[in-house]
PDB file of N, CA and C in Angstrom:
ATOM      1  N   MET A   1     -78.611 -23.682  49.627  1.00  0.00           N
ATOM      2  CA  MET A   1     -79.508 -24.618  50.845  1.00  0.00           C
ATOM      3  C   MET A   1     -80.841 -24.072  51.263  1.00  0.00           C
ATOM      4  N   SER A   2     -81.841 -24.379  51.397  1.00  0.00           N
ATOM      5  CA  SER A   2     -83.106 -23.919  51.709  1.00  0.00           C
ATOM      6  C   SER A   2     -83.181 -24.316  53.557  1.00  0.00           C
ATOM      7  N   LYS A   3     -83.876 -23.043  53.599  1.00  0.00           N
ATOM      8  CA  LYS A   3     -84.081 -22.880  55.385  1.00  0.00           C
ATOM      9  C   LYS A   3     -85.340 -23.571  55.518  1.00  0.00           C
ATOM     10  N   THR A   4     -85.856 -24.815  56.474  1.00  0.00           N
ATOM     11  CA  THR A   4     -86.933 -25.181  56.728  1.00  0.00           C
ATOM     12  C   THR A   4     -87.178 -24.945  58.456  1.00  0.00           C
ATOM     13  N   ARG A   5     -88.237 -24.698  58.276  1.00  0.00           N
ATOM     14  CA  ARG A   5     -88.969 -24.410  59.613  1.00  0.00           C
ATOM     15  C   ARG A   5     -88.752 -25.420  60.616  1.00  0.00           C
ATOM     16  N   PRO A   6     -88.534 -25.272  61.790  1.00  0.00           N
ATOM     17  CA  PRO A   6     -88.483 -26.682  62.888  1.00  0.00           C
ATOM     18  C   PRO A   6     -89.918 -26.919  63.317  1.00  0.00           C
ATOM     19  N   GLU A   7     -90.276 -28.307  62.909  1.00  0.00           N
ATOM     20  CA  GLU A   7     -91.947 -28.268  63.261  1.00  0.00           C
ATOM     21  C   GLU A   7     -91.801 -28.622  65.001  1.00  0.00           C
ATOM     22  N   LYS A   8     -92.802 -28.104  65.256  1.00  0.00           N
ATOM     23  CA  LYS A   8     -93.369 -28.374  66.721  1.00  0.00           C
ATOM     24  C   LYS A   8     -93.382 -29.816  67.001  1.00  0.00           C
ATOM     25  N   VAL A   9     -92.409 -30.527  67.689  1.00  0.00           N
ATOM     26  CA  VAL A   9     -92.332 -31.760  67.848  1.00  0.00           C
ATOM     27  C   VAL A   9     -93.179 -31.920  69.491  1.00  0.00           C
ATOM     28  N   GLY A  10     -94.313 -32.564  69.262  1.00  0.00           N
ATOM     29  CA  GLY A  10     -95.046 -33.077  70.788  1.00  0.00           C
ATOM     30  C   GLY A  10     -95.860 -31.757  71.194  1.00  0.00           C
ATOM     31  N   PHE A  11     -96.451 -31.114  70.222  1.00  0.00           N
ATOM     32  CA  PHE A  11     -96.802 -29.680  70.770  1.00  0.00           C
ATOM     33  C   PHE A  11     -98.403 -30.491  71.073  1.00  0.00           C
ATOM     34  N   GLU A  12     -99.304 -30.946  70.228  1.00  0.00           N
ATOM     35  CA  GLU A  12    -100.407 -31.652  70.543  1.00  0.00           C
ATOM     36  C   GLU A  12    -100.090 -32.332  71.867  1.00  0.00           C
ATOM     37  N   ASP A  13     -99.172 -32.697  72.308  1.00  0.00           N
ATOM     38  CA  ASP A  13     -99.313 -34.035  73.235  1.00  0.00           C
ATOM     39  C   ASP A  13     -98.880 -33.165  74.538  1.00  0.00           C
ATOM     40  N   ALA A  14     -98.530 -32.087  74.326  1.00  0.00           N
ATOM     41  CA  ALA A  14     -98.157 -31.328  75.505  1.00  0.00           C
ATOM     42  C   ALA A  14     -99.591 -30.727  75.736  1.00  0.00           C
ATOM     43  N   GLU A  15     -99.981 -30.263  75.011  1.00  0.00           N
ATOM     44  CA  GLU A  15    -101.193 -29.434  75.355  1.00  0.00           C
ATOM     45  C   GLU A  15    -102.729 -30.421  75.828  1.00  0.00           C
ATOM     46  N   SER A  16    -102.583 -31.559  75.447  1.00  0.00           N
ATOM     47  CA  SER A  16    -103.600 -32.658  76.125  1.00  0.00           C
ATOM     48  C   SER A  16    -103.165 -33.084  77.340  1.00  0.00           C
ATOM     49  N   HIS A  17    -101.956 -32.856  77.652  1.00  0.00           N
ATOM     50  CA  HIS A  17    -101.529 -33.132  78.882  1.00  0.00           C
ATOM     51  C   HIS A  17    -101.512 -32.214  80.130  1.00  0.00           C
ATOM     52  N   ARG A  18    -101.390 -30.975  79.539  1.00  0.00           N
ATOM     53  CA  ARG A  18    -101.219 -29.705  80.603  1.00  0.00           C
ATOM     54  C   ARG A  18    -102.826 -29.821  81.217  1.00  0.00           C
ATOM     55  N   GLU A  19    -102.689 -29.234  82.732  1.00  0.00           N
ATOM     56  CA  GLU A  19    -103.727 -29.238  83.679  1.00  0.00           C
ATOM     57  C   GLU A  19    -104.548 -28.289  83.521  1.00  0.00           C
ATOM     58  N   MET A  20    -105.863 -28.889  83.104  1.00  0.00           N
ATOM     59  CA  MET A  20    -107.016 -28.394  83.111  1.00  0.00           C
ATOM     60  C   MET A  20    -107.132 -27.205  84.083  1.00  0.00           C
ATOM     61  N   SER A  21    -107.615 -26.097  83.793  1.00  0.00           N
ATOM     62  CA  SER A  21    -107.692 -24.792  84.338  1.00  0.00           C
ATOM     63  C   SER A  21    -109.175 -25.115  85.122  1.00  0.00           C
ATOM     64  N   THR A  22    -109.441 -24.451  86.460  1.00  0.00           N
ATOM     65  CA  THR A  22    -110.860 -24.178  86.881  1.00  0.00           C
ATOM     66  C   THR A  22    -111.673 -23.470  85.754  1.00  0.00           C
ATOM     67  N   TRP A  23    -111.091 -22.210  85.226  1.00  0.00           N
ATOM     68  CA  TRP A  23    -112.054 -21.517  83.932  1.00  0.00           C
ATOM     69  C   TRP A  23    -111.863 -22.060  82.787  1.00  0.00           C
ATOM     70  N   LEU A  24    -113.112 -21.981  82.087  1.00  0.00           N
ATOM     71  CA  LEU A  24    -113.097 -21.878  80.371  1.00  0.00           C
ATOM     72  C   LEU A  24    -111.852 -20.931  80.274  1.00  0.00           C
ATOM     73  N   THR A  25    -111.193 -20.790  78.831  1.00  0.00           N
ATOM     74  CA  THR A  25    -110.493 -20.009  78.525  1.00  0.00           C
ATOM     75  C   THR A  25    -111.398 -19.063  77.547  1.00  0.00           C
ATOM     76  N   PRO A  26    -110.980 -17.721  77.202  1.00  0.00           N
ATOM     77  CA  PRO A  26    -111.887 -17.208  76.532  1.00  0.00           C
ATOM     78  C   PRO A  26    -112.152 -17.438  75.055  1.00  0.00           C
ATOM     79  N   SER A  27    -111.279 -18.362  74.530  1.00  0.00           N
ATOM     80  CA  SER A  27    -111.829 -19.197  73.138  1.00  0.00           C
ATOM     81  C   SER A  27    -112.739 -20.181  73.411  1.00  0.00           C
ATOM     82  N   GLU A  28    -112.881 -20.783  74.632  1.00  0.00           N
ATOM     83  CA  GLU A  28    -113.934 -21.724  75.095  1.00  0.00           C
ATOM     84  C   GLU A  28    -115.345 -21.422  75.168  1.00  0.00           C
ATOM     85  N   VAL A  29    -115.324 -19.928  75.777  1.00  0.00           N
ATOM     86  CA  VAL A  29    -116.195 -19.228  75.958  1.00  0.00           C
ATOM     87  C   VAL A  29    -116.979 -18.742  74.659  1.00  0.00           C
ATOM     88  N   ALA A  30    -115.796 -18.169  73.791  1.00  0.00           N
ATOM     89  CA  ALA A  30    -116.497 -17.827  72.493  1.00  0.00           C
ATOM     90  C   ALA A  30    -116.984 -19.011  71.615  1.00  0.00           C
ATOM     91  N   GLU A  31    -116.649 -20.182  71.867  1.00  0.00           N
ATOM     92  CA  GLU A  31    -116.987 -21.377  71.290  1.00  0.00           C
ATOM     93  C   GLU A  31    -118.334 -21.585  71.505  1.00  0.00           C
ATOM     94  N   LEU A  32    -118.635 -21.827  72.924  1.00  0.00           N
ATOM     95  CA  LEU A  32    -119.779 -22.180  73.822  1.00  0.00           C
ATOM     96  C   LEU A  32    -120.886 -20.868  73.528  1.00  0.00           C
ATOM     97  N   THR A  33    -120.688 -19.960  73.450  1.00  0.00           N
ATOM     98  CA  THR A  33    -121.734 -18.702  72.994  1.00  0.00           C
ATOM     99  C   THR A  33    -121.635 -18.194  71.473  1.00  0.00           C
ATOM    100  N   GLU A  34    -120.963 -18.743  70.591  1.00  0.00           N
ATOM    101  CA  GLU A  34    -120.507 -18.689  69.164  1.00  0.00           C
ATOM    102  C   GLU A  34    -120.753 -17.259  69.166  1.00  0.00           C
ATOM    103  N   CYS A  35    -119.977 -16.223  70.021  1.00  0.00           N
ATOM    104  CA  CYS A  35    -119.637 -14.893  69.549  1.00  0.00           C
ATOM    105  C   CYS A  35    -118.597 -14.288  70.399  1.00  0.00           C
ATOM    106  N   SER A  36    -118.134 -13.322  69.829  1.00  0.00           N
ATOM    107  CA  SER A  36    -116.630 -12.749  70.202  1.00  0.00           C
ATOM    108  C   SER A  36    -116.620 -11.670  71.159  1.00  0.00           C
ATOM    109  N   ARG A  37    -118.002 -10.716  71.260  1.00  0.00           N
ATOM    110  CA  ARG A  37    -118.107  -9.905  72.102  1.00  0.00           C
ATOM    111  C   ARG A  37    -118.054 -10.372  73.469  1.00  0.00           C
ATOM    112  N   ARG A  38    -117.965  -9.624  74.496  1.00  0.00           N
ATOM    113  CA  ARG A  38    -118.185  -9.796  75.878  1.00  0.00           C
ATOM    114  C   ARG A  38    -119.172  -9.561  76.403  1.00  0.00           C
ATOM    115  N   SER A  39    -120.165  -8.641  76.268  1.00  0.00           N
ATOM    116  CA  SER A  39    -121.097  -8.457  76.322  1.00  0.00           C
ATOM    117  C   SER A  39    -122.271  -9.123  75.625  1.00  0.00           C
ATOM    118  N   THR A  40    -122.151  -9.697  74.660  1.00  0.00           N
ATOM    119  CA  THR A  40    -123.153 -10.767  74.139  1.00  0.00           C
ATOM    120  C   THR A  40    -122.741 -11.995  75.092  1.00  0.00           C
ATOM    121  N   GLN A  41    -121.636 -12.216  74.890  1.00  0.00           N
ATOM    122  CA  GLN A  41    -121.442 -13.816  75.526  1.00  0.00           C
ATOM    123  C   GLN A  41    -122.007 -13.625  77.234  1.00  0.00           C
ATOM    124  N   CYS A  42    -121.893 -12.766  77.729  1.00  0.00           N
ATOM    125  CA  CYS A  42    -122.546 -12.556  78.780  1.00  0.00           C
ATOM    126  C   CYS A  42    -124.234 -12.992  78.925  1.00  0.00           C
ATOM    127  N   ALA A  43    -124.721 -12.313  78.256  1.00  0.00           N
ATOM    128  CA  ALA A  43    -126.149 -12.020  77.382  1.00  0.00           C
ATOM    129  C   ALA A  43    -126.678 -13.414  77.361  1.00  0.00           C
ATOM    130  N   ARG A  44    -125.727 -14.280  76.394  1.00  0.00           N
ATOM    131  CA  ARG A  44    -125.927 -15.433  75.926  1.00  0.00           C
ATOM    132  C   ARG A  44    -125.742 -16.855  77.103  1.00  0.00           C
ATOM    133  N   LEU A  45    -124.922 -16.486  77.789  1.00  0.00           N
ATOM    134  CA  LEU A  45    -124.284 -17.427  78.816  1.00  0.00           C
ATOM    135  C   LEU A  45    -125.369 -17.475  80.012  1.00  0.00           C
ATOM    136  N   ALA A  46    -126.344 -15.919  80.250  1.00  0.00           N
ATOM    137  CA  ALA A  46    -127.466 -15.781  81.123  1.00  0.00           C
ATOM    138  C   ALA A  46    -128.911 -16.673  80.665  1.00  0.00           C
ATOM    139  N   LYS A  47    -128.791 -16.439  79.194  1.00  0.00           N
ATOM    140  CA  LYS A  47    -130.003 -16.745  78.335  1.00  0.00           C
ATOM    141  C   LYS A  47    -129.817 -18.529  78.551  1.00  0.00           C
ATOM    142  N   MET A  48    -128.496 -18.923  78.550  1.00  0.00           N
ATOM    143  CA  MET A  48    -128.642 -20.349  78.485  1.00  0.00           C
ATOM    144  C   MET A  48    -128.807 -20.926  79.737  1.00  0.00           C
ATOM    145  N   GLY A  49    -128.878 -20.223  81.068  1.00  0.00           N
ATOM    146  CA  GLY A  49    -128.788 -20.586  82.110  1.00  0.00           C
ATOM    147  C   GLY A  49    -127.263 -21.249  82.843  1.00  0.00           C
ATOM    148  N   ILE A  50    -126.280 -20.540  82.312  1.00  0.00           N
ATOM    149  CA  ILE A  50    -124.854 -21.258  82.492  1.00  0.00           C
ATOM    150  C   ILE A  50    -124.527 -19.846  83.594  1.00  0.00           C
ATOM    151  N   SER A  51    -124.179 -20.250  84.746  1.00  0.00           N
ATOM    152  CA  SER A  51    -123.658 -19.330  85.524  1.00  0.00           C
ATOM    153  C   SER A  51    -122.481 -18.971  85.498  1.00  0.00           C
ATOM    154  N   PHE A  52    -122.096 -17.669  85.533  1.00  0.00           N
ATOM    155  CA  PHE A  52    -120.782 -16.889  85.253  1.00  0.00           C
ATOM    156  C   PHE A  52    -120.287 -15.860  86.095  1.00  0.00           C
ATOM    157  N   ARG A  53    -119.378 -15.353  86.306  1.00  0.00           N
ATOM    158  CA  ARG A  53    -119.268 -13.980  86.973  1.00  0.00           C
ATOM    159  C   ARG A  53    -118.284 -13.174  85.437  1.00  0.00           C
ATOM    160  N   GLU A  54    -118.187 -11.910  85.844  1.00  0.00           N
ATOM    161  CA  GLU A  54    -117.290 -10.949  85.042  1.00  0.00           C
ATOM    162  C   GLU A  54    -116.170 -10.706  85.744  1.00  0.00           C
ATOM    163  N   ASN A  55    -114.869 -10.740  85.106  1.00  0.00           N
ATOM    164  CA  ASN A  55    -113.895 -10.351  85.786  1.00  0.00           C
ATOM    165  C   ASN A  55    -113.935  -8.249  85.877  1.00  0.00           C
ATOM    166  N   PHE A  56    -113.036  -7.979  86.156  1.00  0.00           N
ATOM    167  CA  PHE A  56    -112.778  -6.639  86.137  1.00  0.00           C
ATOM    168  C   PHE A  56    -112.496  -5.991  84.564  1.00  0.00           C
ATOM    169  N   ALA A  57    -112.310  -6.679  83.484  1.00  0.00           N
ATOM    170  CA  ALA A  57    -112.093  -6.265  82.199  1.00  0.00           C
ATOM    171  C   ALA A  57    -113.585  -6.639  81.593  1.00  0.00           C
ATOM    172  N   GLY A  58    -114.596  -7.365  81.956  1.00  0.00           N
ATOM    173  CA  GLY A  58    -115.715  -7.417  81.615  1.00  0.00           C
ATOM    174  C   GLY A  58    -115.946  -8.732  80.902  1.00  0.00           C
ATOM    175  N   ARG A  59    -114.579  -9.512  80.821  1.00  0.00           N
ATOM    176  CA  ARG A  59    -114.591 -11.154  80.392  1.00  0.00           C
ATOM    177  C   ARG A  59    -115.363 -12.121  81.527  1.00  0.00           C
ATOM    178  N   PRO A  60    -116.592 -12.347  80.538  1.00  0.00           N
ATOM    179  CA  PRO A  60    -117.013 -13.446  81.592  1.00  0.00           C
ATOM    180  C   PRO A  60    -116.357 -14.824  82.045  1.00  0.00           C
ATOM    181  N   LEU A  61    -116.363 -15.183  83.293  1.00  0.00           N
ATOM    182  CA  LEU A  61    -115.722 -16.209  83.546  1.00  0.00           C
ATOM    183  C   LEU A  61    -116.715 -17.373  84.236  1.00  0.00           C
ATOM    184  N   VAL A  62    -116.158 -18.720  83.483  1.00  0.00           N
ATOM    185  CA  VAL A  62    -117.350 -19.593  83.384  1.00  0.00           C
ATOM    186  C   VAL A  62    -116.259 -20.787  84.031  1.00  0.00           C
ATOM    187  N   GLU A  63    -116.899 -21.453  85.438  1.00  0.00           N
ATOM    188  CA  GLU A  63    -116.447 -22.443  85.499  1.00  0.00           C
ATOM    189  C   GLU A  63    -116.830 -23.882  84.876  1.00  0.00           C
ATOM    190  N   ARG A  64    -115.604 -24.430  84.831  1.00  0.00           N
ATOM    191  CA  ARG A  64    -115.921 -25.740  84.040  1.00  0.00           C
ATOM    192  C   ARG A  64    -116.855 -26.637  84.570  1.00  0.00           C
ATOM    193  N   SER A  65    -117.043 -26.687  86.228  1.00  0.00           N
ATOM    194  CA  SER A  65    -118.044 -27.406  86.817  1.00  0.00           C
ATOM    195  C   SER A  65    -119.643 -26.919  86.412  1.00  0.00           C
ATOM    196  N   ALA A  66    -119.601 -25.511  86.005  1.00  0.00           N
ATOM    197  CA  ALA A  66    -121.021 -24.747  85.950  1.00  0.00           C
ATOM    198  C   ALA A  66    -121.444 -25.767  84.218  1.00  0.00           C
ATOM    199  N   ILE A  67    -120.305 -26.132  83.512  1.00  0.00           N
ATOM    200  CA  ILE A  67    -120.854 -27.015  82.272  1.00  0.00           C
ATOM    201  C   ILE A  67    -121.315 -28.211  82.255  1.00  0.00           C
ATOM    202  N   VAL A  68    -120.575 -28.822  83.142  1.00  0.00           N
ATOM    203  CA  VAL A  68    -120.723 -30.240  83.665  1.00  0.00           C
ATOM    204  C   VAL A  68    -122.507 -30.143  84.230  1.00  0.00           C
ATOM    205  N   ARG A  69    -122.281 -29.526  85.478  1.00  0.00           N
ATOM    206  CA  ARG A  69    -123.901 -29.163  85.804  1.00  0.00           C
ATOM    207  C   ARG A  69    -124.950 -29.095  85.156  1.00  0.00           C
ATOM    208  N   HIS A  70    -124.720 -27.818  83.725  1.00  0.00           N
ATOM    209  CA  HIS A  70    -125.616 -27.593  82.912  1.00  0.00           C
ATOM    210  C   HIS A  70    -126.109 -28.688  82.020  1.00  0.00           C
ATOM    211  N   ARG A  71    -124.948 -29.600  81.675  1.00  0.00           N
ATOM    212  CA  ARG A  71    -125.212 -30.661  80.886  1.00  0.00           C
ATOM    213  C   ARG A  71    -125.824 -32.049  81.279  1.00  0.00           C
ATOM    214  N   GLU A  72    -125.549 -31.995  83.143  1.00  0.00           N
ATOM    215  CA  GLU A  72    -126.531 -32.975  83.658  1.00  0.00           C
ATOM    216  C   GLU A  72    -127.644 -32.538  84.000  1.00  0.00           C
ATOM    217  N   ARG A  73    -128.089 -31.155  83.886  1.00  0.00           N
ATOM    218  CA  ARG A  73    -129.429 -30.920  84.400  1.00  0.00           C
ATOM    219  C   ARG A  73    -130.246 -31.653  83.171  1.00  0.00           C
ATOM    220  N   PRO A  74    -131.735 -32.338  83.695  1.00  0.00           N
ATOM    221  CA  PRO A  74    -132.602 -32.867  82.581  1.00  0.00           C
ATOM    222  C   PRO A  74    -133.334 -31.855  82.021  1.00  0.00           C
ATOM    223  N   GLU A  75    -133.396 -32.039  81.166  1.00  0.00           N
ATOM    224  CA  GLU A  75    -134.095 -30.619  79.946  1.00  0.00           C
ATOM    225  C   GLU A  75    -135.498 -30.642  80.342  1.00  0.00           C
ATOM    226  N   ARG A  76    -136.236 -29.482  80.637  1.00  0.00           N
ATOM    227  CA  ARG A  76    -137.645 -29.254  80.956  1.00  0.00           C
ATOM    228  C   ARG A  76    -138.284 -29.754  79.994  1.00  0.00           C
ATOM    229  N   ALA A  77    -139.616 -30.595  80.229  1.00  0.00           N
ATOM    230  CA  ALA A  77    -140.563 -30.586  79.197  1.00  0.00           C
ATOM    231  C   ALA A  77    -141.372 -29.416  79.069  1.00  0.00           C
ATOM    232  N   ARG A  78    -141.527 -29.133  77.758  1.00  0.00           N
ATOM    233  CA  ARG A  78    -142.479 -28.284  77.293  1.00  0.00           C
ATOM    234  C   ARG A  78    -143.619 -28.075  77.983  1.00  0.00           C
ATOM    235  N   ASP A  79    -144.768 -27.144  78.579  1.00  0.00           N
ATOM    236  CA  ASP A  79    -145.931 -26.821  78.972  1.00  0.00           C
ATOM    237  C   ASP A  79    -146.608 -26.866  77.654  1.00  0.00           C
ATOM    238  N   LEU A  80    -147.698 -27.971  77.407  1.00  0.00           N
ATOM    239  CA  LEU A  80    -148.647 -28.171  76.378  1.00  0.00           C
ATOM    240  C   LEU A  80    -149.742 -28.307  76.913  1.00  0.00           C
ATOM    241  N   PRO A  81    -150.603 -27.516  76.083  1.00  0.00           N
ATOM    242  CA  PRO A  81    -152.179 -27.379  76.649  1.00  0.00           C
ATOM    243  C   PRO A  81    -152.691 -28.820  76.883  1.00  0.00           C
ATOM    244  N   ASN A  82    -153.811 -28.954  77.748  1.00  0.00           N
ATOM    245  CA  ASN A  82    -154.528 -30.490  77.947  1.00  0.00           C
ATOM    246  C   ASN A  82    -155.606 -30.414  77.008  1.00  0.00           C
ATOM    247  N   TRP A  83    -155.370 -30.703  75.805  1.00  0.00           N
ATOM    248  CA  TRP A  83    -156.534 -30.505  74.738  1.00  0.00           C
ATOM    249  C   TRP A  83    -157.549 -31.247  75.108  1.00  0.00           C
ATOM    250  N   ASN A  84    -157.473 -32.561  75.741  1.00  0.00           N
ATOM    251  CA  ASN A  84    -158.733 -33.352  76.099  1.00  0.00           C
ATOM    252  C   ASN A  84    -159.649 -32.513  77.181  1.00  0.00           C
ATOM    253  N   ALA A  85    -158.832 -31.922  78.079  1.00  0.00           N
ATOM    254  CA  ALA A  85    -159.776 -31.253  79.067  1.00  0.00           C
ATOM    255  C   ALA A  85    -160.411 -29.980  78.717  1.00  0.00           C
ATOM    256  N   MET A  86    -159.803 -29.573  77.761  1.00  0.00           N
ATOM    257  CA  MET A  86    -160.624 -28.500  76.993  1.00  0.00           C
ATOM    258  C   MET A  86    -162.054 -28.915  76.230  1.00  0.00           C
ATOM    259  N   ASP A  87    -161.628 -29.774  75.629  1.00  0.00           N
ATOM    260  CA  ASP A  87    -162.592 -30.705  74.992  1.00  0.00           C
ATOM    261  C   ASP A  87    -164.175 -30.998  75.775  1.00  0.00           C
ATOM    262  N   ALA A  88    -163.277 -31.480  77.154  1.00  0.00           N
ATOM    263  CA  ALA A  88    -164.725 -32.231  78.015  1.00  0.00           C
ATOM    264  C   ALA A  88    -165.077 -30.647  78.483  1.00  0.00           C
ATOM    265  N   ALA A  89    -165.144 -29.611  78.486  1.00  0.00           N
ATOM    266  CA  ALA A  89    -165.653 -28.515  79.489  1.00  0.00           C
ATOM    267  C   ALA A  89    -166.481 -27.875  78.581  1.00  0.00           C
TER     268      ALA A  89
END
């Protein structure tokens, strides 16, 4: 008789109903920054303009609300030279 591993019944369901934390998880921060090193994550978050703070271990703590604010912020238009004004001079 072969032993079969019991399946995790309802695991995905339990995950989806779990209360969301105020902070992003370490894996969510890694996915957001596309890197695993804490120092690089901090540098990329700063470059992206996403507010965060470091805990005592140096891990960046990012509030979920900071991501929502970042997404709602309108993208800044690039400053381009006014070629017509330059031609008129």
